[in-house]
Amino acid sequence: MTLATEIEAAERAVWDALVRGDAGADWAALSRDFLGVYPTGFAGADDHAGQLADGPTVAAYRLSECLVRGLGADHALIAYRADYARPGDGAAEETMFVTSIWRRAGGAGWINVFSQDTPAGGAVP
């Protein structure tokens, strides 16, 4: 399996957990010192998994334009476009660009240590 295949599968597992509302699967994919950078501010692993307390936060998603880069022997970066719909929004779709960093966790696969979500259409700084 290539690095790109492994990292894309790990990233999709997080999205699948959001679709299922599976806080346990989301929590298992995150490092305890996970840092999320979002339009609303900073978030940790508890915040990320905690968003699923009331069920799924994503109804459907599509990832495209995936770019994977190795960051040494045990880290990798993935950047991509995410088009998704939230539960109850009907056909309303949102787009954001996501960058995540994953760390190899020995025989346990990969663990997410960082993610930044940037909504599409914002001004360039």
PDB file of N, CA and C in Angstrom:
ATOM      1  N   MET A   1       0.858  -1.178   0.000  1.00  0.00           N
ATOM      2  CA  MET A   1       0.000   0.000   0.000  1.00  0.00           C
ATOM      3  C   MET A   1       0.902   1.239   0.000  1.00  0.00           C
ATOM      4  N   THR A   2       0.577   2.220  -0.826  1.00  0.00           N
ATOM      5  CA  THR A   2       1.385   3.436  -0.905  1.00  0.00           C
ATOM      6  C   THR A   2       1.055   4.374   0.256  1.00  0.00           C
ATOM      7  N   LEU A   3       1.953   5.307   0.502  1.00  0.00           N
ATOM      8  CA  LEU A   3       1.724   6.312   1.540  1.00  0.00           C
ATOM      9  C   LEU A   3       0.429   7.067   1.254  1.00  0.00           C
ATOM     10  N   ALA A   4       0.231   7.480   0.023  1.00  0.00           N
ATOM     11  CA  ALA A   4      -0.982   8.228  -0.328  1.00  0.00           C
ATOM     12  C   ALA A   4      -2.239   7.417  -0.032  1.00  0.00           C
ATOM     13  N   THR A   5      -2.233   6.142  -0.365  1.00  0.00           N
ATOM     14  CA  THR A   5      -3.390   5.285  -0.111  1.00  0.00           C
ATOM     15  C   THR A   5      -3.658   5.163   1.384  1.00  0.00           C
ATOM     16  N   GLU A   6      -2.605   4.969   2.169  1.00  0.00           N
ATOM     17  CA  GLU A   6      -2.762   4.838   3.625  1.00  0.00           C
ATOM     18  C   GLU A   6      -3.324   6.107   4.251  1.00  0.00           C
ATOM     19  N   ILE A   7      -2.769   7.250   3.875  1.00  0.00           N
ATOM     20  CA  ILE A   7      -3.188   8.514   4.489  1.00  0.00           C
ATOM     21  C   ILE A   7      -4.600   8.894   4.038  1.00  0.00           C
ATOM     22  N   GLU A   8      -4.904   8.696   2.775  1.00  0.00           N
ATOM     23  CA  GLU A   8      -6.270   8.984   2.307  1.00  0.00           C
ATOM     24  C   GLU A   8      -7.278   8.102   3.031  1.00  0.00           C
ATOM     25  N   ALA A   9      -6.950   6.841   3.245  1.00  0.00           N
ATOM     26  CA  ALA A   9      -7.862   5.941   3.965  1.00  0.00           C
ATOM     27  C   ALA A   9      -8.038   6.399   5.411  1.00  0.00           C
ATOM     28  N   ALA A  10      -6.968   6.823   6.055  1.00  0.00           N
ATOM     29  CA  ALA A  10      -7.058   7.312   7.438  1.00  0.00           C
ATOM     30  C   ALA A  10      -7.939   8.565   7.500  1.00  0.00           C
ATOM     31  N   GLU A  11      -7.752   9.471   6.547  1.00  0.00           N
ATOM     32  CA  GLU A  11      -8.545  10.707   6.527  1.00  0.00           C
ATOM     33  C   GLU A  11     -10.019  10.402   6.273  1.00  0.00           C
ATOM     34  N   ARG A  12     -10.290   9.491   5.347  1.00  0.00           N
ATOM     35  CA  ARG A  12     -11.680   9.111   5.059  1.00  0.00           C
ATOM     36  C   ARG A  12     -12.338   8.442   6.268  1.00  0.00           C
ATOM     37  N   ALA A  13     -11.558   7.723   7.069  1.00  0.00           N
ATOM     38  CA  ALA A  13     -12.112   7.094   8.269  1.00  0.00           C
ATOM     39  C   ALA A  13     -12.655   8.140   9.238  1.00  0.00           C
ATOM     40  N   VAL A  14     -11.990   9.287   9.316  1.00  0.00           N
ATOM     41  CA  VAL A  14     -12.487  10.375  10.166  1.00  0.00           C
ATOM     42  C   VAL A  14     -13.808  10.898   9.601  1.00  0.00           C
ATOM     43  N   TRP A  15     -13.857  11.147   8.303  1.00  0.00           N
ATOM     44  CA  TRP A  15     -15.095  11.613   7.683  1.00  0.00           C
ATOM     45  C   TRP A  15     -16.221  10.588   7.854  1.00  0.00           C
ATOM     46  N   ASP A  16     -15.899   9.308   7.705  1.00  0.00           N
ATOM     47  CA  ASP A  16     -16.910   8.268   7.888  1.00  0.00           C
ATOM     48  C   ASP A  16     -17.454   8.272   9.317  1.00  0.00           C
ATOM     49  N   ALA A  17     -16.587   8.528  10.295  1.00  0.00           N
ATOM     50  CA  ALA A  17     -17.039   8.626  11.684  1.00  0.00           C
ATOM     51  C   ALA A  17     -17.997   9.803  11.859  1.00  0.00           C
ATOM     52  N   LEU A  18     -17.729  10.926  11.181  1.00  0.00           N
ATOM     53  CA  LEU A  18     -18.622  12.089  11.250  1.00  0.00           C
ATOM     54  C   LEU A  18     -19.978  11.762  10.632  1.00  0.00           C
ATOM     55  N   VAL A  19     -19.992  10.971   9.559  1.00  0.00           N
ATOM     56  CA  VAL A  19     -21.245  10.570   8.910  1.00  0.00           C
ATOM     57  C   VAL A  19     -22.037   9.630   9.820  1.00  0.00           C
ATOM     58  N   ARG A  20     -21.343   8.714  10.488  1.00  0.00           N
ATOM     59  CA  ARG A  20     -22.020   7.748  11.372  1.00  0.00           C
ATOM     60  C   ARG A  20     -22.350   8.332  12.741  1.00  0.00           C
ATOM     61  N   GLY A  21     -21.727   9.452  13.090  1.00  0.00           N
ATOM     62  CA  GLY A  21     -21.894   9.991  14.440  1.00  0.00           C
ATOM     63  C   GLY A  21     -21.146   9.147  15.463  1.00  0.00           C
ATOM     64  N   ASP A  22     -20.050   8.533  15.041  1.00  0.00           N
ATOM     65  CA  ASP A  22     -19.289   7.591  15.854  1.00  0.00           C
ATOM     66  C   ASP A  22     -18.134   8.293  16.569  1.00  0.00           C
ATOM     67  N   ALA A  23     -18.419   8.823  17.763  1.00  0.00           N
ATOM     68  CA  ALA A  23     -17.406   9.554  18.532  1.00  0.00           C
ATOM     69  C   ALA A  23     -16.232   8.656  18.906  1.00  0.00           C
ATOM     70  N   GLY A  24     -16.477   7.384  19.170  1.00  0.00           N
ATOM     71  CA  GLY A  24     -15.412   6.464  19.529  1.00  0.00           C
ATOM     72  C   GLY A  24     -14.411   6.277  18.398  1.00  0.00           C
ATOM     73  N   ALA A  25     -14.904   6.114  17.182  1.00  0.00           N
ATOM     74  CA  ALA A  25     -14.013   5.967  16.027  1.00  0.00           C
ATOM     75  C   ALA A  25     -13.266   7.268  15.763  1.00  0.00           C
ATOM     76  N   ASP A  26     -13.948   8.392  15.928  1.00  0.00           N
ATOM     77  CA  ASP A  26     -13.293   9.688  15.738  1.00  0.00           C
ATOM     78  C   ASP A  26     -12.177   9.857  16.773  1.00  0.00           C
ATOM     79  N   TRP A  27     -12.481   9.604  18.020  1.00  0.00           N
ATOM     80  CA  TRP A  27     -11.524   9.725  19.119  1.00  0.00           C
ATOM     81  C   TRP A  27     -10.310   8.820  18.875  1.00  0.00           C
ATOM     82  N   ALA A  28     -10.540   7.596  18.401  1.00  0.00           N
ATOM     83  CA  ALA A  28      -9.456   6.635  18.178  1.00  0.00           C
ATOM     84  C   ALA A  28      -8.498   7.092  17.075  1.00  0.00           C
ATOM     85  N   ALA A  29      -8.967   7.926  16.158  1.00  0.00           N
ATOM     86  CA  ALA A  29      -8.122   8.402  15.055  1.00  0.00           C
ATOM     87  C   ALA A  29      -7.273   9.601  15.441  1.00  0.00           C
ATOM     88  N   LEU A  30      -7.539  10.198  16.603  1.00  0.00           N
ATOM     89  CA  LEU A  30      -6.886  11.438  16.998  1.00  0.00           C
ATOM     90  C   LEU A  30      -5.830  11.225  18.074  1.00  0.00           C
ATOM     91  N   SER A  31      -4.719  11.929  17.921  1.00  0.00           N
ATOM     92  CA  SER A  31      -3.708  11.973  18.967  1.00  0.00           C
ATOM     93  C   SER A  31      -4.296  12.706  20.170  1.00  0.00           C
ATOM     94  N   ARG A  32      -3.871  12.330  21.363  1.00  0.00           N
ATOM     95  CA  ARG A  32      -4.372  13.023  22.558  1.00  0.00           C
ATOM     96  C   ARG A  32      -3.998  14.493  22.533  1.00  0.00           C
ATOM     97  N   ASP A  33      -2.900  14.859  21.839  1.00  0.00           N
ATOM     98  CA  ASP A  33      -2.510  16.268  21.745  1.00  0.00           C
ATOM     99  C   ASP A  33      -2.911  16.874  20.395  1.00  0.00           C
ATOM    100  N   PHE A  34      -3.941  16.304  19.773  1.00  0.00           N
ATOM    101  CA  PHE A  34      -4.457  16.800  18.495  1.00  0.00           C
ATOM    102  C   PHE A  34      -4.747  18.296  18.577  1.00  0.00           C
ATOM    103  N   LEU A  35      -4.418  19.010  17.507  1.00  0.00           N
ATOM    104  CA  LEU A  35      -4.752  20.426  17.389  1.00  0.00           C
ATOM    105  C   LEU A  35      -5.542  20.635  16.110  1.00  0.00           C
ATOM    106  N   GLY A  36      -6.731  21.174  16.236  1.00  0.00           N
ATOM    107  CA  GLY A  36      -7.542  21.557  15.087  1.00  0.00           C
ATOM    108  C   GLY A  36      -7.591  23.073  15.003  1.00  0.00           C
ATOM    109  N   VAL A  37      -7.449  23.609  13.788  1.00  0.00           N
ATOM    110  CA  VAL A  37      -7.542  25.046  13.558  1.00  0.00           C
ATOM    111  C   VAL A  37      -8.718  25.258  12.608  1.00  0.00           C
ATOM    112  N   TYR A  38      -9.746  25.910  13.115  1.00  0.00           N
ATOM    113  CA  TYR A  38     -11.002  26.042  12.384  1.00  0.00           C
ATOM    114  C   TYR A  38     -11.428  27.502  12.336  1.00  0.00           C
ATOM    115  N   PRO A  39     -12.391  27.840  11.506  1.00  0.00           N
ATOM    116  CA  PRO A  39     -12.875  29.222  11.471  1.00  0.00           C
ATOM    117  C   PRO A  39     -13.375  29.706  12.837  1.00  0.00           C
ATOM    118  N   THR A  40     -13.756  28.766  13.698  1.00  0.00           N
ATOM    119  CA  THR A  40     -14.251  29.126  15.031  1.00  0.00           C
ATOM    120  C   THR A  40     -13.150  29.206  16.079  1.00  0.00           C
ATOM    121  N   GLY A  41     -11.924  28.794  15.725  1.00  0.00           N
ATOM    122  CA  GLY A  41     -10.807  28.840  16.669  1.00  0.00           C
ATOM    123  C   GLY A  41     -10.100  27.505  16.781  1.00  0.00           C
ATOM    124  N   PHE A  42      -9.391  27.321  17.892  1.00  0.00           N
ATOM    125  CA  PHE A  42      -8.622  26.106  18.131  1.00  0.00           C
ATOM    126  C   PHE A  42      -9.494  25.048  18.797  1.00  0.00           C
ATOM    127  N   ALA A  43      -9.154  23.765  18.544  1.00  0.00           N
ATOM    128  CA  ALA A  43      -9.886  22.661  19.159  1.00  0.00           C
ATOM    129  C   ALA A  43      -8.928  21.513  19.434  1.00  0.00           C
ATOM    130  N   GLY A  44      -9.231  20.757  20.485  1.00  0.00           N
ATOM    131  CA  GLY A  44      -8.464  19.573  20.822  1.00  0.00           C
ATOM    132  C   GLY A  44      -9.237  18.315  20.462  1.00  0.00           C
ATOM    133  N   ALA A  45      -8.692  17.173  20.834  1.00  0.00           N
ATOM    134  CA  ALA A  45      -9.324  15.885  20.531  1.00  0.00           C
ATOM    135  C   ALA A  45     -10.706  15.777  21.176  1.00  0.00           C
ATOM    136  N   ASP A  46     -10.831  16.237  22.415  1.00  0.00           N
ATOM    137  CA  ASP A  46     -12.132  16.174  23.090  1.00  0.00           C
ATOM    138  C   ASP A  46     -13.177  17.000  22.352  1.00  0.00           C
ATOM    139  N   ASP A  47     -12.773  18.170  21.853  1.00  0.00           N
ATOM    140  CA  ASP A  47     -13.697  19.030  21.110  1.00  0.00           C
ATOM    141  C   ASP A  47     -14.136  18.342  19.810  1.00  0.00           C
ATOM    142  N   HIS A  48     -13.157  17.760  19.109  1.00  0.00           N
ATOM    143  CA  HIS A  48     -13.451  17.144  17.815  1.00  0.00           C
ATOM    144  C   HIS A  48     -14.416  15.978  17.987  1.00  0.00           C
ATOM    145  N   ALA A  49     -14.124  15.082  18.899  1.00  0.00           N
ATOM    146  CA  ALA A  49     -15.006  13.938  19.122  1.00  0.00           C
ATOM    147  C   ALA A  49     -16.306  14.370  19.797  1.00  0.00           C
ATOM    148  N   GLY A  50     -16.238  15.394  20.646  1.00  0.00           N
ATOM    149  CA  GLY A  50     -17.411  15.876  21.360  1.00  0.00           C
ATOM    150  C   GLY A  50     -18.500  16.439  20.464  1.00  0.00           C
ATOM    151  N   GLN A  51     -18.114  16.888  19.262  1.00  0.00           N
ATOM    152  CA  GLN A  51     -19.116  17.424  18.347  1.00  0.00           C
ATOM    153  C   GLN A  51     -20.122  16.358  17.926  1.00  0.00           C
ATOM    154  N   LEU A  52     -19.801  15.098  18.158  1.00  0.00           N
ATOM    155  CA  LEU A  52     -20.682  13.997  17.759  1.00  0.00           C
ATOM    156  C   LEU A  52     -21.644  13.576  18.869  1.00  0.00           C
ATOM    157  N   ALA A  53     -21.657  14.296  19.975  1.00  0.00           N
ATOM    158  CA  ALA A  53     -22.519  13.949  21.103  1.00  0.00           C
ATOM    159  C   ALA A  53     -23.990  13.898  20.715  1.00  0.00           C
ATOM    160  N   ASP A  54     -24.380  14.719  19.759  1.00  0.00           N
ATOM    161  CA  ASP A  54     -25.783  14.745  19.329  1.00  0.00           C
ATOM    162  C   ASP A  54     -26.000  14.013  18.016  1.00  0.00           C
ATOM    163  N   GLY A  55     -25.014  13.210  17.599  1.00  0.00           N
ATOM    164  CA  GLY A  55     -25.166  12.428  16.374  1.00  0.00           C
ATOM    165  C   GLY A  55     -24.291  12.945  15.244  1.00  0.00           C
ATOM    166  N   PRO A  56     -24.545  12.456  14.046  1.00  0.00           N
ATOM    167  CA  PRO A  56     -23.715  12.814  12.888  1.00  0.00           C
ATOM    168  C   PRO A  56     -23.679  14.311  12.632  1.00  0.00           C
ATOM    169  N   THR A  57     -22.510  14.796  12.172  1.00  0.00           N
ATOM    170  CA  THR A  57     -22.365  16.203  11.801  1.00  0.00           C
ATOM    171  C   THR A  57     -22.224  16.364  10.291  1.00  0.00           C
ATOM    172  N   VAL A  58     -22.102  15.253   9.577  1.00  0.00           N
ATOM    173  CA  VAL A  58     -21.976  15.259   8.121  1.00  0.00           C
ATOM    174  C   VAL A  58     -22.947  14.227   7.554  1.00  0.00           C
ATOM    175  N   ALA A  59     -23.726  14.612   6.537  1.00  0.00           N
ATOM    176  CA  ALA A  59     -24.650  13.681   5.897  1.00  0.00           C
ATOM    177  C   ALA A  59     -23.974  12.933   4.751  1.00  0.00           C
ATOM    178  N   ALA A  60     -23.152  13.642   3.994  1.00  0.00           N
ATOM    179  CA  ALA A  60     -22.447  13.047   2.851  1.00  0.00           C
ATOM    180  C   ALA A  60     -21.236  13.914   2.556  1.00  0.00           C
ATOM    181  N   TYR A  61     -20.211  13.303   1.954  1.00  0.00           N
ATOM    182  CA  TYR A  61     -19.005  14.055   1.624  1.00  0.00           C
ATOM    183  C   TYR A  61     -18.338  13.499   0.378  1.00  0.00           C
ATOM    184  N   ARG A  62     -17.509  14.332  -0.199  1.00  0.00           N
ATOM    185  CA  ARG A  62     -16.688  13.953  -1.357  1.00  0.00           C
ATOM    186  C   ARG A  62     -15.345  14.653  -1.210  1.00  0.00           C
ATOM    187  N   LEU A  63     -14.262  13.900  -1.255  1.00  0.00           N
ATOM    188  CA  LEU A  63     -12.919  14.468  -1.189  1.00  0.00           C
ATOM    189  C   LEU A  63     -12.312  14.435  -2.582  1.00  0.00           C
ATOM    190  N   SER A  64     -11.626  15.508  -2.951  1.00  0.00           N
ATOM    191  CA  SER A  64     -10.982  15.562  -4.267  1.00  0.00           C
ATOM    192  C   SER A  64      -9.698  16.379  -4.167  1.00  0.00           C
ATOM    193  N   GLU A  65      -8.956  16.377  -5.244  1.00  0.00           N
ATOM    194  CA  GLU A  65      -7.702  17.132  -5.330  1.00  0.00           C
ATOM    195  C   GLU A  65      -6.736  16.764  -4.204  1.00  0.00           C
ATOM    196  N   CYS A  66      -6.723  15.487  -3.796  1.00  0.00           N
ATOM    197  CA  CYS A  66      -5.890  15.042  -2.683  1.00  0.00           C
ATOM    198  C   CYS A  66      -4.403  15.105  -3.036  1.00  0.00           C
ATOM    199  N   LEU A  67      -3.652  15.722  -2.156  1.00  0.00           N
ATOM    200  CA  LEU A  67      -2.196  15.799  -2.260  1.00  0.00           C
ATOM    201  C   LEU A  67      -1.620  15.229  -0.976  1.00  0.00           C
ATOM    202  N   VAL A  68      -0.706  14.278  -1.083  1.00  0.00           N
ATOM    203  CA  VAL A  68      -0.072  13.685   0.090  1.00  0.00           C
ATOM    204  C   VAL A  68       1.429  13.901  -0.019  1.00  0.00           C
ATOM    205  N   ARG A  69       2.031  14.334   1.084  1.00  0.00           N
ATOM    206  CA  ARG A  69       3.470  14.567   1.133  1.00  0.00           C
ATOM    207  C   ARG A  69       4.029  13.913   2.395  1.00  0.00           C
ATOM    208  N   GLY A  70       5.114  13.169   2.241  1.00  0.00           N
ATOM    209  CA  GLY A  70       5.799  12.618   3.393  1.00  0.00           C
ATOM    210  C   GLY A  70       6.533  13.732   4.124  1.00  0.00           C
ATOM    211  N   LEU A  71       6.508  13.676   5.437  1.00  0.00           N
ATOM    212  CA  LEU A  71       7.218  14.648   6.279  1.00  0.00           C
ATOM    213  C   LEU A  71       8.189  13.875   7.161  1.00  0.00           C
ATOM    214  N   GLY A  72       9.134  13.202   6.555  1.00  0.00           N
ATOM    215  CA  GLY A  72      10.047  12.344   7.296  1.00  0.00           C
ATOM    216  C   GLY A  72       9.512  10.925   7.326  1.00  0.00           C
ATOM    217  N   ALA A  73      10.151  10.103   8.133  1.00  0.00           N
ATOM    218  CA  ALA A  73       9.825   8.678   8.155  1.00  0.00           C
ATOM    219  C   ALA A  73       8.463   8.371   8.778  1.00  0.00           C
ATOM    220  N   ASP A  74       8.017   9.166   9.738  1.00  0.00           N
ATOM    221  CA  ASP A  74       6.826   8.811  10.502  1.00  0.00           C
ATOM    222  C   ASP A  74       5.703   9.840  10.477  1.00  0.00           C
ATOM    223  N   HIS A  75       5.778  10.810   9.565  1.00  0.00           N
ATOM    224  CA  HIS A  75       4.723  11.816   9.460  1.00  0.00           C
ATOM    225  C   HIS A  75       4.356  12.029   8.003  1.00  0.00           C
ATOM    226  N   ALA A  76       3.113  12.407   7.771  1.00  0.00           N
ATOM    227  CA  ALA A  76       2.654  12.714   6.425  1.00  0.00           C
ATOM    228  C   ALA A  76       1.603  13.812   6.485  1.00  0.00           C
ATOM    229  N   LEU A  77       1.539  14.580   5.425  1.00  0.00           N
ATOM    230  CA  LEU A  77       0.575  15.665   5.282  1.00  0.00           C
ATOM    231  C   LEU A  77      -0.369  15.311   4.140  1.00  0.00           C
ATOM    232  N   ILE A  78      -1.639  15.581   4.346  1.00  0.00           N
ATOM    233  CA  ILE A  78      -2.618  15.461   3.268  1.00  0.00           C
ATOM    234  C   ILE A  78      -3.355  16.793   3.173  1.00  0.00           C
ATOM    235  N   ALA A  79      -3.536  17.269   1.955  1.00  0.00           N
ATOM    236  CA  ALA A  79      -4.317  18.479   1.697  1.00  0.00           C
ATOM    237  C   ALA A  79      -5.310  18.138   0.596  1.00  0.00           C
ATOM    238  N   TYR A  80      -6.533  18.626   0.717  1.00  0.00           N
ATOM    239  CA  TYR A  80      -7.570  18.258  -0.244  1.00  0.00           C
ATOM    240  C   TYR A  80      -8.753  19.219  -0.167  1.00  0.00           C
ATOM    241  N   ARG A  81      -9.630  19.065  -1.138  1.00  0.00           N
ATOM    242  CA  ARG A  81     -10.901  19.788  -1.171  1.00  0.00           C
ATOM    243  C   ARG A  81     -11.978  18.846  -0.638  1.00  0.00           C
ATOM    244  N   ALA A  82     -12.807  19.345   0.260  1.00  0.00           N
ATOM    245  CA  ALA A  82     -13.926  18.569   0.794  1.00  0.00           C
ATOM    246  C   ALA A  82     -15.227  19.279   0.447  1.00  0.00           C
ATOM    247  N   ASP A  83     -16.095  18.587  -0.249  1.00  0.00           N
ATOM    248  CA  ASP A  83     -17.456  19.063  -0.523  1.00  0.00           C
ATOM    249  C   ASP A  83     -18.373  18.182   0.317  1.00  0.00           C
ATOM    250  N   TYR A  84     -19.214  18.798   1.135  1.00  0.00           N
ATOM    251  CA  TYR A  84     -20.007  18.006   2.071  1.00  0.00           C
ATOM    252  C   TYR A  84     -21.332  18.686   2.370  1.00  0.00           C
ATOM    253  N   ALA A  85     -22.253  17.885   2.888  1.00  0.00           N
ATOM    254  CA  ALA A  85     -23.553  18.383   3.323  1.00  0.00           C
ATOM    255  C   ALA A  85     -23.743  17.983   4.780  1.00  0.00           C
ATOM    256  N   ARG A  86     -24.383  18.842   5.509  1.00  0.00           N
ATOM    257  CA  ARG A  86     -24.681  18.560   6.920  1.00  0.00           C
ATOM    258  C   ARG A  86     -26.079  17.936   7.022  1.00  0.00           C
ATOM    259  N   PRO A  87     -26.318  17.152   8.065  1.00  0.00           N
ATOM    260  CA  PRO A  87     -27.661  16.583   8.247  1.00  0.00           C
ATOM    261  C   PRO A  87     -28.713  17.682   8.334  1.00  0.00           C
ATOM    262  N   GLY A  88     -29.822  17.476   7.680  1.00  0.00           N
ATOM    263  CA  GLY A  88     -30.917  18.431   7.733  1.00  0.00           C
ATOM    264  C   GLY A  88     -30.785  19.616   6.801  1.00  0.00           C
ATOM    265  N   ASP A  89     -29.707  19.715   6.055  1.00  0.00           N
ATOM    266  CA  ASP A  89     -29.515  20.841   5.136  1.00  0.00           C
ATOM    267  C   ASP A  89     -30.044  20.560   3.731  1.00  0.00           C
ATOM    268  N   GLY A  90     -30.687  19.419   3.535  1.00  0.00           N
ATOM    269  CA  GLY A  90     -31.176  19.090   2.207  1.00  0.00           C
ATOM    270  C   GLY A  90     -30.029  18.989   1.227  1.00  0.00           C
ATOM    271  N   ALA A  91     -30.096  19.748   0.161  1.00  0.00           N
ATOM    272  CA  ALA A  91     -29.064  19.687  -0.875  1.00  0.00           C
ATOM    273  C   ALA A  91     -27.962  20.726  -0.680  1.00  0.00           C
ATOM    274  N   ALA A  92     -28.039  21.516   0.387  1.00  0.00           N
ATOM    275  CA  ALA A  92     -27.029  22.549   0.609  1.00  0.00           C
ATOM    276  C   ALA A  92     -25.667  21.908   0.813  1.00  0.00           C
ATOM    277  N   GLU A  93     -24.716  22.281  -0.031  1.00  0.00           N
ATOM    278  CA  GLU A  93     -23.371  21.715   0.067  1.00  0.00           C
ATOM    279  C   GLU A  93     -22.386  22.815   0.435  1.00  0.00           C
ATOM    280  N   GLU A  94     -21.441  22.479   1.280  1.00  0.00           N
ATOM    281  CA  GLU A  94     -20.385  23.400   1.674  1.00  0.00           C
ATOM    282  C   GLU A  94     -19.068  22.870   1.125  1.00  0.00           C
ATOM    283  N   THR A  95     -18.111  23.769   0.943  1.00  0.00           N
ATOM    284  CA  THR A  95     -16.787  23.389   0.463  1.00  0.00           C
ATOM    285  C   THR A  95     -15.739  23.987   1.375  1.00  0.00           C
ATOM    286  N   MET A  96     -14.745  23.179   1.695  1.00  0.00           N
ATOM    287  CA  MET A  96     -13.596  23.688   2.434  1.00  0.00           C
ATOM    288  C   MET A  96     -12.346  22.958   1.958  1.00  0.00           C
ATOM    289  N   PHE A  97     -11.229  23.586   2.230  1.00  0.00           N
ATOM    290  CA  PHE A  97      -9.934  22.986   1.943  1.00  0.00           C
ATOM    291  C   PHE A  97      -9.349  22.571   3.284  1.00  0.00           C
ATOM    292  N   VAL A  98      -8.862  21.333   3.346  1.00  0.00           N
ATOM    293  CA  VAL A  98      -8.401  20.743   4.597  1.00  0.00           C
ATOM    294  C   VAL A  98      -6.933  20.336   4.456  1.00  0.00           C
ATOM    295  N   THR A  99      -6.170  20.585   5.491  1.00  0.00           N
ATOM    296  CA  THR A  99      -4.806  20.090   5.595  1.00  0.00           C
ATOM    297  C   THR A  99      -4.694  19.358   6.918  1.00  0.00           C
ATOM    298  N   SER A 100      -4.233  18.114   6.882  1.00  0.00           N
ATOM    299  CA  SER A 100      -4.050  17.315   8.091  1.00  0.00           C
ATOM    300  C   SER A 100      -2.645  16.737   8.114  1.00  0.00           C
ATOM    301  N   ILE A 101      -2.121  16.578   9.314  1.00  0.00           N
ATOM    302  CA  ILE A 101      -0.835  15.910   9.507  1.00  0.00           C
ATOM    303  C   ILE A 101      -1.095  14.652  10.324  1.00  0.00           C
ATOM    304  N   TRP A 102      -0.540  13.558   9.838  1.00  0.00           N
ATOM    305  CA  TRP A 102      -0.690  12.250  10.465  1.00  0.00           C
ATOM    306  C   TRP A 102       0.668  11.743  10.923  1.00  0.00           C
ATOM    307  N   ARG A 103       0.686  11.021  12.062  1.00  0.00           N
ATOM    308  CA  ARG A 103       1.904  10.420  12.597  1.00  0.00           C
ATOM    309  C   ARG A 103       1.722   8.901  12.632  1.00  0.00           C
ATOM    310  N   ARG A 104       2.746   8.192  12.171  1.00  0.00           N
ATOM    311  CA  ARG A 104       2.706   6.729  12.224  1.00  0.00           C
ATOM    312  C   ARG A 104       2.706   6.306  13.691  1.00  0.00           C
ATOM    313  N   ALA A 105       1.782   5.429  14.036  1.00  0.00           N
ATOM    314  CA  ALA A 105       1.625   4.988  15.424  1.00  0.00           C
ATOM    315  C   ALA A 105       2.004   3.518  15.554  1.00  0.00           C
ATOM    316  N   GLY A 106       3.198   3.177  15.115  1.00  0.00           N
ATOM    317  CA  GLY A 106       3.662   1.793  15.203  1.00  0.00           C
ATOM    318  C   GLY A 106       2.735   0.861  14.449  1.00  0.00           C
ATOM    319  N   GLY A 107       2.401  -0.262  15.047  1.00  0.00           N
ATOM    320  CA  GLY A 107       1.524  -1.239  14.416  1.00  0.00           C
ATOM    321  C   GLY A 107       0.073  -0.810  14.375  1.00  0.00           C
ATOM    322  N   ALA A 108      -0.248   0.300  15.027  1.00  0.00           N
ATOM    323  CA  ALA A 108      -1.636   0.767  15.084  1.00  0.00           C
ATOM    324  C   ALA A 108      -2.024   1.614  13.879  1.00  0.00           C
ATOM    325  N   GLY A 109      -1.138   1.773  12.921  1.00  0.00           N
ATOM    326  CA  GLY A 109      -1.465   2.575  11.748  1.00  0.00           C
ATOM    327  C   GLY A 109      -1.065   4.026  11.913  1.00  0.00           C
ATOM    328  N   TRP A 110      -1.972   4.930  11.582  1.00  0.00           N
ATOM    329  CA  TRP A 110      -1.700   6.364  11.598  1.00  0.00           C
ATOM    330  C   TRP A 110      -2.638   7.061  12.565  1.00  0.00           C
ATOM    331  N   ILE A 111      -2.150   8.140  13.175  1.00  0.00           N
ATOM    332  CA  ILE A 111      -2.956   8.938  14.103  1.00  0.00           C
ATOM    333  C   ILE A 111      -2.877  10.407  13.690  1.00  0.00           C
ATOM    334  N   ASN A 112      -4.008  11.080  13.725  1.00  0.00           N
ATOM    335  CA  ASN A 112      -4.117  12.471  13.293  1.00  0.00           C
ATOM    336  C   ASN A 112      -3.639  13.403  14.407  1.00  0.00           C
ATOM    337  N   VAL A 113      -2.632  14.236  14.097  1.00  0.00           N
ATOM    338  CA  VAL A 113      -2.096  15.151  15.104  1.00  0.00           C
ATOM    339  C   VAL A 113      -2.488  16.606  14.856  1.00  0.00           C
ATOM    340  N   PHE A 114      -2.898  16.928  13.618  1.00  0.00           N
ATOM    341  CA  PHE A 114      -3.207  18.319  13.281  1.00  0.00           C
ATOM    342  C   PHE A 114      -4.165  18.365  12.104  1.00  0.00           C
ATOM    343  N   SER A 115      -5.085  19.314  12.127  1.00  0.00           N
ATOM    344  CA  SER A 115      -5.963  19.551  10.985  1.00  0.00           C
ATOM    345  C   SER A 115      -6.358  21.021  10.945  1.00  0.00           C
ATOM    346  N   GLN A 116      -6.362  21.579   9.741  1.00  0.00           N
ATOM    347  CA  GLN A 116      -6.844  22.944   9.547  1.00  0.00           C
ATOM    348  C   GLN A 116      -7.859  22.938   8.417  1.00  0.00           C
ATOM    349  N   ASP A 117      -9.024  23.524   8.681  1.00  0.00           N
ATOM    350  CA  ASP A 117     -10.103  23.618   7.706  1.00  0.00           C
ATOM    351  C   ASP A 117     -10.273  25.068   7.289  1.00  0.00           C
ATOM    352  N   THR A 118     -10.240  25.304   5.980  1.00  0.00           N
ATOM    353  CA  THR A 118     -10.389  26.651   5.448  1.00  0.00           C
ATOM    354  C   THR A 118     -11.595  26.681   4.506  1.00  0.00           C
ATOM    355  N   PRO A 119     -12.661  27.415   4.862  1.00  0.00           N
ATOM    356  CA  PRO A 119     -13.810  27.483   3.977  1.00  0.00           C
ATOM    357  C   PRO A 119     -13.431  28.078   2.619  1.00  0.00           C
ATOM    358  N   ALA A 120     -13.997  27.516   1.576  1.00  0.00           N
ATOM    359  CA  ALA A 120     -13.742  28.016   0.222  1.00  0.00           C
ATOM    360  C   ALA A 120     -14.375  29.393   0.048  1.00  0.00           C
ATOM    361  N   GLY A 121     -13.740  30.221  -0.762  1.00  0.00           N
ATOM    362  CA  GLY A 121     -14.302  31.501  -1.095  1.00  0.00           C
ATOM    363  C   GLY A 121     -13.897  32.647  -0.208  1.00  0.00           C
ATOM    364  N   GLY A 122     -13.066  32.397   0.774  1.00  0.00           N
ATOM    365  CA  GLY A 122     -12.610  33.475   1.655  1.00  0.00           C
ATOM    366  C   GLY A 122     -11.568  34.337   0.972  1.00  0.00           C
ATOM    367  N   ALA A 123     -11.303  35.467   1.545  1.00  0.00           N
ATOM    368  CA  ALA A 123     -10.289  36.371   0.998  1.00  0.00           C
ATOM    369  C   ALA A 123      -8.893  35.826   1.234  1.00  0.00           C
ATOM    370  N   VAL A 124      -8.029  36.065   0.300  1.00  0.00           N
ATOM    371  CA  VAL A 124      -6.632  35.662   0.446  1.00  0.00           C
ATOM    372  C   VAL A 124      -5.917  36.710   1.299  1.00  0.00           C
ATOM    373  N   PRO A 125      -5.214  36.268   2.370  1.00  0.00           N
ATOM    374  CA  PRO A 125      -4.560  37.245   3.234  1.00  0.00           C
ATOM    375  C   PRO A 125      -3.430  37.966   2.529  1.00  0.00           C
TER     376      PRO A 125
END
